[in-house]
C-alpha cells in the first residue's frame, strides 16, 4: 500500500507545471495552516482522496501528524506472498469522505464539531454547513473558487456545478468566497520550496530567540543546552542553576561553566537556590552524585577559565528583563524555585518583557515519574533510590514540579505566557542509542554529547527502566523547530500537600476553576521529526557569534 504513494511522491510530475506533485502544495494553504497552529488551533485535513495517499503527501509539507490527516479509507487484506508489498487495496469503507460523509467522518475522528472550515468543491458544502451551524461558538466558513487557469487550474463546470451559483451559496450560509484569481498573488511554490522552508526552519530565522536557561544540570539538561549551543536561531543570554534538582549547586554551576567553555559560548552562569521553598523533596543522593560528574564524563569537558557571575539566578533574570532589548524566553528545565524568586523581587522587574516561559514539567493525563525512580533499582541493582512512601506512593507528579510544588504553583498562577512540555509529550521520545549514532560531527560539543549518550544508553550509567529524553524535547519546542506538535490550551493547577500514603503532592491536573487562565501545553510530538531535527542541529557547527557578550556591559 505504501509503495504507491511514495512512488507517486517521488516520480510523478504535474504535467502543467513540470514539477513533482509533492511541490505543488498551495502556498496560501500552508500559510493558513501555520497561522492556525501558531494561534493554538488543532488543524485537520479532510480529503476525499485515499487516506494512504494523504498520509504520504501531506504530512511533511503541512507539518501535521498522521492522525490529523483524514481521507477515504480503503479496505485492506494481508498478502504475505509478496515480501515487499504485503497489503493490497480493496474497496472503500463507508462513508466515503465526500459530502455528508465528510461531516460523519469528522465526528467519528474528532468527536467534536469544528469552528473553522475551508473547502473548495460542492462536496465540501456539507462540512461547511456542519461547522458554521455550531450552536455554541462563533464560526467561519471559507469556500475557495478556482477561477484562474493561469495561477493554477480553472475548474470546469459539470452537471454537479452548472446549476449552482457559488456567490448565492456563500451569501445564504454566511460563508466567505475566496477567489484564486483576485485574492491570491501567488498560489504555487514553483520550486523546491519545501526543502528551503525546512532548511530555514532547521537552521534559524533572521532574528535569534534570546533565552535564559534555568536548569539543575542533570544529564538531560546537559543534552538540551548542548543542542541550544548549536542552534543558530537561539541566543543564550545566560544560564541560571538551581541546587534543588539532579545536581548539587556547586557541581551544577561548574558543569554549566565547563559546557559553555566547550562550545565557546560567552554567557554568564549564575548560582540560584540550594533548597526548595517548602518541603525537602530531593533526588536520591547516590543519583545526584552520579549527576555531579555528568555520568562519569565531567573530565571530558575543559576546565573553567572564567569566574561564576556573582549575581543570584533571579538577580540576573531581573537585570536581563530590565536592560536587554527585545523580549526574552525563559527555558525552565530544573524546577521552579529560581523563577518563583524572580516574581518575589520588589520593585517588580519588567515582567512584560518575558515572551514565554517554556517548562519541561508536569504529567497531565499520564503517570508521573517520582515513584518510578524511587521504586526502581539503582545502577548497581541496589535500593538506594528508595526514599520512603512520600516518594514511593507518588505515581502522579513529575520530578521538576514535585521538587518545589509551591514554587511551581506560584509561577503557574502568574499572568506571564507559558508553554508546558509535560511527560505526555516527553513519553513520545524515548532515550535510545540512535541519538548518538545520528551525530557525525567531531566538534567538542558533539563528541562530548556522544560520550554522554553512550554512558546513559549502553554504558555504566545505563538506565534500569526506559526513559524519555526529557529536556532536549522542551529545548526543541522552545526553539520552534518542531512542526508536528499537538498543543492544547488547558487550565492547570498543582497539588501542594504531602501525604505518607497515595501521595499526590506535585500532581499537575486540569481544573475548571473560572479564574485560572489557560496555558499552552504540548500533549504529543513526532519522534521521527525529533530525530530529524536532532541530527540536523547537532551536525551543525557550534554557534560562535553569541550575542550574550553584551552582558559584559552590565555592572556586576
Protein backbone atom coordinates (compact mmCIF):
# COMPACT_ATOMS: atom_id res chain seq x y z
CA UNK A 1 0.00 0.00 0.00
CA UNK A 2 2.75 2.45 0.94
CA UNK A 3 4.83 1.93 -2.19
CA UNK A 4 2.16 3.51 -4.36
CA UNK A 5 2.00 6.95 -2.66
CA UNK A 6 5.76 7.12 -2.13
CA UNK A 7 6.30 6.31 -5.80
CA UNK A 8 3.82 9.00 -6.77
CA UNK A 9 5.51 11.48 -4.48
CA UNK A 10 8.99 10.98 -5.90
CA UNK A 11 8.38 10.11 -9.56
CA UNK A 12 5.10 11.65 -10.69
CA UNK A 13 5.18 15.15 -12.15
CA UNK A 14 2.47 17.71 -12.54
CA UNK A 15 2.12 17.94 -16.32
CA UNK A 16 1.14 21.60 -16.44
CA UNK A 17 3.98 22.94 -14.28
CA UNK A 18 6.52 20.12 -14.86
CA UNK A 19 7.35 19.66 -11.17
CA UNK A 20 6.91 16.75 -8.75
CA UNK A 21 3.46 16.64 -7.22
CA UNK A 22 4.81 17.00 -3.66
CA UNK A 23 5.99 20.51 -4.70
CA UNK A 24 2.55 21.67 -5.77
CA UNK A 25 1.04 22.42 -2.38
CA UNK A 26 -0.78 25.72 -2.38
CA UNK A 27 1.26 28.43 -0.68
CA UNK A 28 -1.82 30.12 0.89
CA UNK A 29 -2.92 26.78 2.32
CA UNK A 30 0.44 26.14 4.00
CA UNK A 31 0.49 29.70 5.37
CA UNK A 32 -3.05 29.31 6.72
CA UNK A 33 -2.21 26.01 8.44
CA UNK A 34 0.88 27.59 10.03
CA UNK A 35 -1.13 30.61 11.20
CA UNK A 36 -3.81 28.46 12.80
CA UNK A 37 -1.26 26.28 14.60
CA UNK A 38 0.64 29.33 15.85
CA UNK A 39 -2.60 30.60 17.41
CA UNK A 40 -3.37 27.39 19.25
CA UNK A 41 -5.81 25.69 16.86
CA UNK A 42 -5.77 21.95 16.24
CA UNK A 43 -5.70 21.59 12.45
CA UNK A 44 -7.05 18.63 10.44
CA UNK A 45 -7.03 17.96 6.70
CA UNK A 46 -10.17 16.19 5.48
CA UNK A 47 -9.97 14.95 1.90
CA UNK A 48 -11.90 12.66 -0.41
CA UNK A 49 -8.60 11.16 -1.61
CA UNK A 50 -7.41 7.81 -0.31
CA UNK A 51 -6.07 8.11 3.23
CA UNK A 52 -2.73 6.43 2.49
CA UNK A 53 -2.05 8.96 -0.24
CA UNK A 54 -2.88 11.87 2.08
CA UNK A 55 -0.57 10.46 4.77
CA UNK A 56 2.32 10.15 2.34
CA UNK A 57 1.97 13.50 0.62
CA UNK A 58 0.61 15.96 3.17
CA UNK A 59 2.31 15.26 6.50
CA UNK A 60 5.71 16.89 5.87
CA UNK A 61 4.65 19.98 3.87
CA UNK A 62 1.87 20.84 6.31
CA UNK A 63 3.68 19.78 9.48
CA UNK A 64 0.73 17.67 10.65
CA UNK A 65 0.80 14.24 12.33
CA UNK A 66 -0.84 11.32 10.58
CA UNK A 67 -3.88 11.28 12.87
CA UNK A 68 -4.71 14.82 11.70
CA UNK A 69 -5.00 13.70 8.06
CA UNK A 70 -8.40 12.16 7.33
CA UNK A 71 -9.08 10.62 3.93
CA UNK A 72 -11.25 7.94 2.35
CA UNK A 73 -10.33 4.62 3.94
CA UNK A 74 -9.56 1.59 1.83
CA UNK A 75 -10.30 -1.98 2.85
CA UNK A 76 -7.06 -3.88 3.33
CA UNK A 77 -6.16 -7.53 3.29
CA UNK A 78 -2.88 -9.23 4.05
CA UNK A 79 -0.89 -10.79 1.21
CA UNK A 80 2.26 -12.26 2.73
CA UNK A 81 3.38 -13.89 -0.52
CA UNK A 82 5.00 -10.62 -1.60
CA UNK A 83 7.91 -9.65 0.70
CA UNK A 84 7.82 -6.00 -0.36
CA UNK A 85 4.14 -5.15 -0.53
CA UNK A 86 2.12 -7.40 1.76
CA UNK A 87 -1.00 -5.22 1.88
CA UNK A 88 -3.26 -4.83 -1.12
CA UNK A 89 -6.12 -2.37 -1.53
CA UNK A 90 -9.73 -3.36 -1.83
CA UNK A 91 -12.99 -1.43 -1.76
CA UNK A 92 -13.62 1.71 0.27
CA UNK A 93 -15.17 1.81 3.69
CA UNK A 94 -18.41 3.72 4.06
CA UNK A 95 -18.97 6.56 4.35
CA UNK A 96 -16.67 7.87 1.64
CA UNK A 97 -15.06 11.16 2.63
CA UNK A 98 -17.32 13.24 0.39
CA UNK A 99 -20.37 15.45 1.07
CA UNK A 100 -22.22 14.22 4.17
CA UNK A 101 -19.53 11.56 4.59
CA UNK A 102 -17.03 14.28 5.46
CA UNK A 103 -19.17 15.55 8.32
CA UNK A 104 -19.72 11.99 9.56
CA UNK A 105 -16.00 11.15 9.44
CA UNK A 106 -15.10 14.40 11.21
CA UNK A 107 -17.43 13.40 14.03
CA UNK A 108 -16.03 9.85 14.12
CA UNK A 109 -12.40 11.04 14.21
CA UNK A 110 -12.66 14.20 16.36
CA UNK A 111 -15.72 13.63 18.48
CA UNK A 112 -16.33 17.35 18.19
CA UNK A 113 -17.62 19.95 15.74
CA UNK A 114 -15.07 22.32 14.15
CA UNK A 115 -15.26 26.10 14.48
CA UNK A 116 -13.48 26.80 11.19
CA UNK A 117 -13.60 25.02 7.85
CA UNK A 118 -12.31 25.75 4.38
CA UNK A 119 -13.40 23.86 1.27
CA UNK A 120 -13.18 24.15 -2.49
CA UNK A 121 -15.84 21.91 -4.06
CA UNK A 122 -19.54 21.10 -3.84
CA UNK A 123 -18.53 18.05 -1.80
CA UNK A 124 -17.37 20.45 0.95
CA UNK A 125 -20.74 22.17 1.38
CA UNK A 126 -21.89 19.65 4.00
CA UNK A 127 -18.68 20.08 6.00
CA UNK A 128 -19.05 23.85 5.88
CA UNK A 129 -22.68 23.62 7.00
CA UNK A 130 -21.72 21.25 9.83
CA UNK A 131 -19.09 23.73 11.01
CA UNK A 132 -20.94 27.02 10.70
CA UNK A 133 -24.10 25.71 12.36
CA UNK A 134 -22.21 25.15 15.62
CA UNK A 135 -24.61 26.07 18.44
CA UNK A 136 -22.02 27.22 21.00
CA UNK A 137 -19.19 29.09 19.24
CA UNK A 138 -18.60 31.76 16.64
CA UNK A 139 -17.53 30.07 13.41
CA UNK A 140 -16.10 30.78 9.99
CA UNK A 141 -16.54 29.03 6.66
CA UNK A 142 -14.40 29.73 3.58
CA UNK A 143 -15.16 28.49 0.09
CA UNK A 144 -12.30 28.70 -2.41
CA UNK A 145 -13.30 29.39 -6.04
CA UNK A 146 -10.83 28.01 -8.60
CA UNK A 147 -11.31 30.68 -11.24
CA UNK A 148 -7.79 31.16 -12.66
CA UNK A 149 -6.27 28.98 -15.36
CA UNK A 150 -3.04 31.00 -15.15
CA UNK A 151 -2.18 30.76 -11.45
CA UNK A 152 -3.30 27.11 -11.21
CA UNK A 153 -6.44 25.47 -12.69
CA UNK A 154 -9.84 26.79 -13.57
CA UNK A 155 -12.39 24.17 -12.55
CA UNK A 156 -14.67 23.12 -15.38
CA UNK A 157 -18.42 23.39 -14.88
CA UNK A 158 -20.08 19.97 -14.90
CA UNK A 159 -23.51 18.56 -14.18
CA UNK A 160 -23.00 18.86 -10.43
CA UNK A 161 -21.94 22.51 -10.66
CA UNK A 162 -23.80 24.09 -13.54
CA UNK A 163 -26.93 24.95 -11.57
CA UNK A 164 -25.05 26.36 -8.57
CA UNK A 165 -24.17 30.00 -8.15
CA UNK A 166 -21.39 29.92 -5.56
CA UNK A 167 -21.87 33.54 -4.55
CA UNK A 168 -25.51 32.79 -3.74
CA UNK A 169 -24.45 29.78 -1.67
CA UNK A 170 -21.98 31.73 0.46
CA UNK A 171 -24.42 34.61 0.91
CA UNK A 172 -27.16 32.25 2.01
CA UNK A 173 -24.92 30.47 4.54
CA UNK A 174 -22.88 33.48 5.70
CA UNK A 175 -19.63 31.95 4.41
CA UNK A 176 -16.88 33.84 2.61
CA UNK A 177 -15.94 33.29 -1.03
CA UNK A 178 -12.21 33.29 -1.82
CA UNK A 179 -11.17 33.90 -5.44
CA UNK A 180 -7.95 32.30 -6.66
CA UNK A 181 -7.79 34.92 -9.39
CA UNK A 182 -8.49 38.04 -7.29
CA UNK A 183 -7.39 37.21 -3.75
CA UNK A 184 -4.03 35.45 -4.22
CA UNK A 185 -0.92 36.97 -5.75
CA UNK A 186 0.86 33.61 -5.78
CA UNK A 187 -0.64 30.15 -5.43
CA UNK A 188 2.13 27.62 -6.05
CA UNK A 189 5.73 27.49 -4.93
CA UNK A 190 7.16 26.55 -8.32
CA UNK A 191 10.48 25.46 -6.88
CA UNK A 192 11.90 23.15 -4.26
CA UNK A 193 10.03 25.29 -1.76
CA UNK A 194 9.65 22.64 0.90
CA UNK A 195 13.36 22.00 1.13
CA UNK A 196 14.03 25.73 1.52
CA UNK A 197 11.24 26.08 4.08
CA UNK A 198 12.53 23.11 6.05
CA UNK A 199 16.13 24.34 5.89
CA UNK A 200 15.05 27.76 7.16
CA UNK A 201 13.14 26.12 9.98
CA UNK A 202 16.12 23.96 10.95
CA UNK A 203 18.92 26.47 10.67
CA UNK A 204 17.34 29.57 12.06
CA UNK A 205 15.48 32.64 11.00
CA UNK A 206 16.53 36.25 10.81
CA UNK A 207 16.01 37.09 14.48
CA UNK A 208 17.53 34.73 17.07
CA UNK A 209 15.44 34.00 20.14
CA UNK A 210 17.04 35.37 23.33
CA UNK A 211 16.91 32.71 26.04
CA UNK A 212 17.76 32.36 29.72
CA UNK A 213 18.15 28.70 30.67
CA UNK A 214 17.16 27.83 34.26
CA UNK A 215 18.47 24.34 34.96
CA UNK A 216 19.51 21.73 37.51
CA UNK A 217 22.24 20.48 35.10
CA UNK A 218 21.17 16.84 35.02
CA UNK A 219 22.15 14.63 32.10
CA UNK A 220 19.14 15.70 30.03
CA UNK A 221 19.76 19.39 30.83
CA UNK A 222 23.31 18.97 29.51
CA UNK A 223 21.96 17.49 26.28
CA UNK A 224 19.39 20.29 25.94
CA UNK A 225 21.97 23.06 26.47
CA UNK A 226 24.36 21.36 24.04
CA UNK A 227 21.57 21.34 21.46
CA UNK A 228 20.89 25.06 22.04
CA UNK A 229 24.59 25.93 21.72
CA UNK A 230 24.47 24.51 18.18
CA UNK A 231 21.11 26.05 17.33
CA UNK A 232 21.63 29.10 15.07
CA UNK A 233 18.36 30.85 15.92
CA UNK A 234 18.97 30.77 19.69
CA UNK A 235 20.94 33.41 21.58
CA UNK A 236 21.85 32.11 25.06
CA UNK A 237 21.82 35.14 27.36
CA UNK A 238 22.93 33.11 30.36
CA UNK A 239 22.42 30.01 32.48
CA UNK A 240 20.91 30.08 35.97
CA UNK A 241 21.48 26.97 38.07
CA UNK A 242 19.36 25.51 40.86
CA UNK A 243 20.72 23.16 43.50
CA UNK A 244 17.30 21.69 44.21
CA UNK A 245 17.38 19.10 41.43
CA UNK A 246 19.60 16.45 39.93
CA UNK A 247 22.96 18.03 40.86
CA UNK A 248 24.21 19.80 43.94
CA UNK A 249 24.50 23.55 43.38
CA UNK A 250 28.31 23.91 43.19
CA UNK A 251 28.61 20.94 40.83
CA UNK A 252 25.79 22.21 38.62
CA UNK A 253 27.43 25.62 38.30
CA UNK A 254 30.75 24.05 37.36
CA UNK A 255 29.18 21.76 34.75
CA UNK A 256 27.37 24.72 33.16
CA UNK A 257 30.59 26.76 33.00
CA UNK A 258 32.61 23.92 31.53
CA UNK A 259 29.92 23.09 28.98
CA UNK A 260 29.79 26.68 27.72
CA UNK A 261 33.59 26.64 27.59
CA UNK A 262 33.47 23.56 25.35
CA UNK A 263 31.12 25.35 22.98
CA UNK A 264 32.99 28.66 23.04
CA UNK A 265 29.85 30.42 24.27
CA UNK A 266 30.49 33.61 26.26
CA UNK A 267 27.49 33.74 28.58
CA UNK A 268 27.17 34.24 32.36
CA UNK A 269 26.46 31.36 34.74
CA UNK A 270 24.67 32.33 37.96
CA UNK A 271 24.01 30.24 41.06
CA UNK A 272 20.49 30.09 42.45
CA UNK A 273 18.69 28.35 45.29
CA UNK A 274 20.25 25.38 47.05
CA UNK A 275 16.99 24.31 48.76
CA UNK A 276 13.33 24.35 47.68
CA UNK A 277 10.99 26.98 49.08
CA UNK A 278 8.99 24.37 51.02
CA UNK A 279 9.36 20.68 51.84
CA UNK A 280 12.65 18.86 51.38
CA UNK A 281 11.94 16.91 48.24
CA UNK A 282 15.14 15.79 46.55
CA UNK A 283 16.56 13.17 44.21
CA UNK A 284 18.29 10.13 45.76
CA UNK A 285 21.76 11.11 46.98
CA UNK A 286 23.58 8.44 45.00
CA UNK A 287 21.74 9.52 41.86
CA UNK A 288 22.80 13.14 42.48
CA UNK A 289 26.43 12.11 42.94
CA UNK A 290 26.34 10.45 39.54
CA UNK A 291 24.88 13.61 38.01
CA UNK A 292 27.56 15.74 39.73
CA UNK A 293 30.18 14.28 37.38
CA UNK A 294 27.88 14.03 34.32
CA UNK A 295 27.68 10.23 34.50
CA UNK A 296 31.49 9.95 34.56
CA UNK A 297 32.03 12.43 31.73
CA UNK A 298 32.99 15.61 33.60
CA UNK A 299 36.70 15.25 32.76
CA UNK A 300 35.85 15.31 29.05
CA UNK A 301 34.89 18.98 29.43
CA UNK A 302 37.50 21.77 29.53
CA UNK A 303 38.40 23.44 32.80
CA UNK A 304 36.71 26.68 33.82
CA UNK A 305 38.61 29.82 32.79
CA UNK A 306 36.13 32.47 33.97
CA UNK A 307 34.66 33.02 37.46
CA UNK A 308 30.98 32.46 38.13
CA UNK A 309 28.84 35.58 37.74
CA UNK A 310 28.30 36.96 41.27
CA UNK A 311 24.61 37.74 40.78
CA UNK A 312 21.93 35.39 42.03
CA UNK A 313 19.94 33.50 39.44
CA UNK A 314 16.89 35.71 39.98
CA UNK A 315 19.03 38.86 40.10
CA UNK A 316 20.45 38.00 36.69
CA UNK A 317 16.98 37.36 35.28
CA UNK A 318 15.81 40.72 36.66
CA UNK A 319 18.74 42.56 35.06
CA UNK A 320 18.13 40.93 31.68
CA UNK A 321 14.43 41.78 31.75
CA UNK A 322 15.14 45.38 32.72
CA UNK A 323 18.09 46.08 30.43
CA UNK A 324 18.09 43.69 27.46
CA UNK A 325 16.49 45.00 24.27
CA UNK A 326 13.67 42.83 23.00
CA UNK A 327 11.71 40.06 24.66
CA UNK A 328 13.25 37.12 26.49
CA UNK A 329 12.22 33.48 26.75
CA UNK A 330 12.95 31.58 29.96
CA UNK A 331 13.52 27.86 29.47
CA UNK A 332 12.72 26.07 32.74
CA UNK A 333 14.48 22.69 32.91
CA UNK A 334 15.08 22.19 36.63
CA UNK A 335 12.05 23.13 38.67
CA UNK A 336 10.62 26.50 39.65
CA UNK A 337 12.47 27.71 42.76
CA UNK A 338 14.68 30.26 41.00
CA UNK A 339 11.88 31.55 38.77
CA UNK A 340 9.48 31.91 41.70
CA UNK A 341 12.05 34.12 43.45
CA UNK A 342 12.14 36.35 40.36
CA UNK A 343 8.43 37.07 40.86
CA UNK A 344 9.05 37.96 44.53
CA UNK A 345 11.54 40.77 43.74
CA UNK A 346 10.45 44.27 44.75
CA UNK A 347 10.18 46.54 42.89
CA UNK A 348 8.89 44.14 40.29
CA UNK A 349 11.10 43.57 37.21
CA UNK A 350 9.74 44.31 33.75
CA UNK A 351 7.89 41.01 33.56
CA UNK A 352 6.13 42.14 30.39
CA UNK A 353 9.46 41.51 28.63
CA UNK A 354 9.05 37.76 29.17
CA UNK A 355 7.94 36.41 25.82
CA UNK A 356 7.31 32.92 27.20
CA UNK A 357 8.32 30.57 29.99
CA UNK A 358 8.78 27.15 28.39
CA UNK A 359 8.63 24.43 31.02
CA UNK A 360 9.73 20.83 30.96
CA UNK A 361 7.44 19.61 33.70
CA UNK A 362 4.18 18.07 34.76
CA UNK A 363 2.19 14.98 33.88
CA UNK A 364 -1.35 15.76 32.76
CA UNK A 365 -3.02 12.58 31.56
CA UNK A 366 -0.18 10.09 32.14
CA UNK A 367 1.56 8.72 35.23
CA UNK A 368 4.21 10.82 36.93
CA UNK A 369 7.78 9.61 37.38
CA UNK A 370 8.56 10.14 41.07
CA UNK A 371 7.53 6.67 42.23
CA UNK A 372 9.07 5.11 39.12
CA UNK A 373 12.54 6.29 40.12
CA UNK A 374 12.04 5.63 43.83
CA UNK A 375 10.90 2.05 43.27
CA UNK A 376 13.50 1.12 40.62
CA UNK A 377 16.91 -0.43 41.40
CA UNK A 378 19.92 1.86 41.33
CA UNK A 379 22.66 1.46 38.73
CA UNK A 380 24.21 -1.41 40.69
CA UNK A 381 20.94 -3.20 41.35
CA UNK A 382 20.60 -1.87 44.90
CA UNK A 383 17.79 0.03 46.63
CA UNK A 384 19.47 3.38 47.25
CA UNK A 385 16.76 5.08 45.19
CA UNK A 386 14.16 4.20 47.84
CA UNK A 387 13.39 7.30 49.91
CA UNK A 388 10.17 6.15 51.54
CA UNK A 389 6.40 6.35 50.94
CA UNK A 390 6.25 10.08 50.18
CA UNK A 391 8.18 9.19 47.02
CA UNK A 392 7.23 5.55 46.56
CA UNK A 393 3.46 6.12 46.56
CA UNK A 394 3.54 9.23 44.37
CA UNK A 395 2.51 7.99 40.94
CA UNK A 396 1.11 11.40 39.94
CA UNK A 397 3.87 14.01 40.00
CA UNK A 398 6.70 14.72 37.58
CA UNK A 399 10.03 15.44 39.28
CA UNK A 400 10.53 19.08 38.23
CA UNK A 401 7.17 20.02 39.76
CA UNK A 402 7.47 17.69 42.75
CA UNK A 403 10.82 19.19 43.86
CA UNK A 404 9.16 22.50 44.73
CA UNK A 405 5.40 22.31 44.09
CA UNK A 406 4.72 25.54 45.98
CA UNK A 407 7.08 27.49 43.71
CA UNK A 408 5.64 25.74 40.65
CA UNK A 409 2.10 26.75 41.59
CA UNK A 410 3.23 30.33 42.26
CA UNK A 411 4.75 30.65 38.77
CA UNK A 412 1.78 28.93 37.13
CA UNK A 413 -0.60 31.42 38.75
CA UNK A 414 1.14 34.46 37.25
CA UNK A 415 -0.09 36.14 34.06
CA UNK A 416 3.15 35.50 32.13
CA UNK A 417 2.74 33.42 28.93
CA UNK A 418 3.70 29.80 29.49
CA UNK A 419 4.23 26.69 27.37
CA UNK A 420 4.38 23.37 29.19
CA UNK A 421 6.09 20.26 27.80
CA UNK A 422 4.87 17.54 30.19
CA UNK A 423 5.51 13.81 30.29
CA UNK A 424 2.52 13.40 27.97
CA UNK A 425 4.72 14.69 25.13
CA UNK A 426 8.07 13.52 26.51
CA UNK A 427 6.89 9.90 26.54
CA UNK A 428 6.77 10.08 22.73
CA UNK A 429 10.57 10.45 22.54
CA UNK A 430 12.45 7.69 24.38
CA UNK A 431 16.19 7.83 25.14
CA UNK A 432 17.95 5.44 22.72
CA UNK A 433 21.49 4.78 21.40
CA UNK A 434 20.37 6.06 17.97
CA UNK A 435 20.68 9.65 19.17
CA UNK A 436 24.43 9.18 19.48
CA UNK A 437 24.60 7.37 16.15
CA UNK A 438 22.91 10.29 14.38
CA UNK A 439 25.72 12.67 15.39
CA UNK A 440 28.59 12.59 12.89
CA UNK A 441 30.16 15.99 13.69
CA UNK A 442 33.52 15.90 15.50
CA UNK A 443 33.45 19.29 17.26
CA UNK A 444 33.99 19.21 21.07
CA UNK A 445 30.29 19.57 21.94
CA UNK A 446 29.22 16.80 19.57
CA UNK A 447 31.95 14.44 20.81
CA UNK A 448 31.01 15.11 24.44
CA UNK A 449 27.31 14.51 23.76
CA UNK A 450 28.06 11.21 22.04
CA UNK A 451 30.04 10.09 25.10
CA UNK A 452 27.26 11.08 27.50
CA UNK A 453 24.63 9.29 25.41
CA UNK A 454 26.78 6.17 25.35
CA UNK A 455 27.06 6.24 29.16
CA UNK A 456 23.29 6.66 29.57
CA UNK A 457 22.18 4.07 26.99
CA UNK A 458 24.79 1.30 26.91
CA UNK A 459 27.44 2.28 29.47
CA UNK A 460 27.84 2.23 33.25
CA UNK A 461 25.04 4.75 33.85
CA UNK A 462 22.54 2.91 31.68
CA UNK A 463 19.03 3.39 32.99
CA UNK A 464 17.23 0.43 34.55
CA UNK A 465 13.88 1.50 33.05
CA UNK A 466 13.02 3.10 29.67
CA UNK A 467 13.26 6.86 29.95
CA UNK A 468 12.05 9.77 27.83
CA UNK A 469 14.75 12.14 26.65
CA UNK A 470 13.02 14.94 28.64
CA UNK A 471 14.74 18.36 28.45
CA UNK A 472 16.01 18.24 24.84
CA UNK A 473 12.39 17.98 23.73
CA UNK A 474 11.49 21.14 25.67
CA UNK A 475 14.52 22.90 24.16
CA UNK A 476 13.45 21.83 20.69
CA UNK A 477 9.88 23.04 21.26
CA UNK A 478 11.21 26.35 22.61
CA UNK A 479 13.46 26.84 19.57
CA UNK A 480 10.45 26.47 17.22
CA UNK A 481 11.98 23.53 15.38
CA UNK A 482 9.10 21.08 15.59
CA UNK A 483 6.00 21.44 13.41
CA UNK A 484 4.18 18.25 14.41
CA UNK A 485 3.39 19.26 17.99
CA UNK A 486 -0.12 18.72 19.32
CA UNK A 487 -0.88 21.76 21.50
CA UNK A 488 -3.86 22.21 23.79
CA UNK A 489 -4.93 25.25 25.80
CA UNK A 490 -5.51 23.91 29.31
CA UNK A 491 -6.30 25.35 32.73
CA UNK A 492 -3.81 23.71 35.10
CA UNK A 493 -3.35 23.56 38.83
CA UNK A 494 -0.84 21.82 41.13
CA UNK A 495 -1.42 19.93 44.38
CA UNK A 496 0.90 21.06 47.17
CA UNK A 497 0.09 18.85 50.17
CA UNK A 498 2.39 15.93 51.12
CA UNK A 499 0.92 12.67 52.47
CA UNK A 500 2.55 9.39 53.50
CA UNK A 501 0.09 7.26 51.51
CA UNK A 502 -1.03 7.69 47.91
CA UNK A 503 0.88 10.96 47.84
CA UNK A 504 -0.39 13.35 45.17
CA UNK A 505 1.85 16.30 46.02
CA UNK A 506 3.15 17.91 42.82
CA UNK A 507 0.39 16.48 40.62
CA UNK A 508 -0.38 18.78 37.68
CA UNK A 509 -4.05 18.48 36.84
CA UNK A 510 -6.73 20.13 34.70
CA UNK A 511 -9.08 22.41 36.63
CA UNK A 512 -12.40 24.02 35.76
CA UNK A 513 -11.84 26.95 38.14
CA UNK A 514 -13.05 30.03 36.27
CA UNK A 515 -10.31 32.44 37.39
CA UNK A 516 -7.47 30.15 36.30
CA UNK A 517 -6.03 31.27 32.96
CA UNK A 518 -5.24 28.63 30.30
CA UNK A 519 -1.67 27.87 29.26
CA UNK A 520 -0.34 26.21 26.12
CA UNK A 521 0.51 22.54 26.67
CA UNK A 522 2.34 20.23 24.25
CA UNK A 523 0.49 16.92 24.51
CA UNK A 524 2.13 14.99 21.69
CA UNK A 525 5.07 15.10 19.28
CA UNK A 526 6.57 13.05 16.45
CA UNK A 527 9.64 11.02 17.44
CA UNK A 528 10.68 10.81 13.79
CA UNK A 529 10.61 14.58 13.42
CA UNK A 530 12.54 14.93 16.69
CA UNK A 531 15.25 12.64 15.28
CA UNK A 532 15.44 14.67 12.06
CA UNK A 533 15.89 17.97 13.89
CA UNK A 534 18.33 16.42 16.38
CA UNK A 535 20.51 15.14 13.55
CA UNK A 536 20.42 18.39 11.60
CA UNK A 537 21.23 20.67 14.54
CA UNK A 538 23.88 18.52 16.23
CA UNK A 539 25.75 18.20 12.94
CA UNK A 540 25.68 21.97 12.51
CA UNK A 541 28.71 23.99 13.71
CA UNK A 542 28.63 25.45 17.19
CA UNK A 543 27.22 28.97 17.16
CA UNK A 544 30.30 31.11 17.82
CA UNK A 545 28.87 34.61 17.50
CA UNK A 546 26.74 34.56 20.62
CA UNK A 547 25.16 37.92 21.28
CA UNK A 548 25.12 37.34 25.01
CA UNK A 549 28.55 39.04 25.08
CA UNK A 550 26.51 42.22 25.52
CA UNK A 551 26.03 41.13 29.12
CA UNK A 552 29.62 42.25 29.76
CA UNK A 553 28.39 45.85 29.64
CA UNK A 554 26.36 45.38 32.81
CA UNK A 555 27.64 46.49 36.21
CA UNK A 556 28.20 43.30 38.18
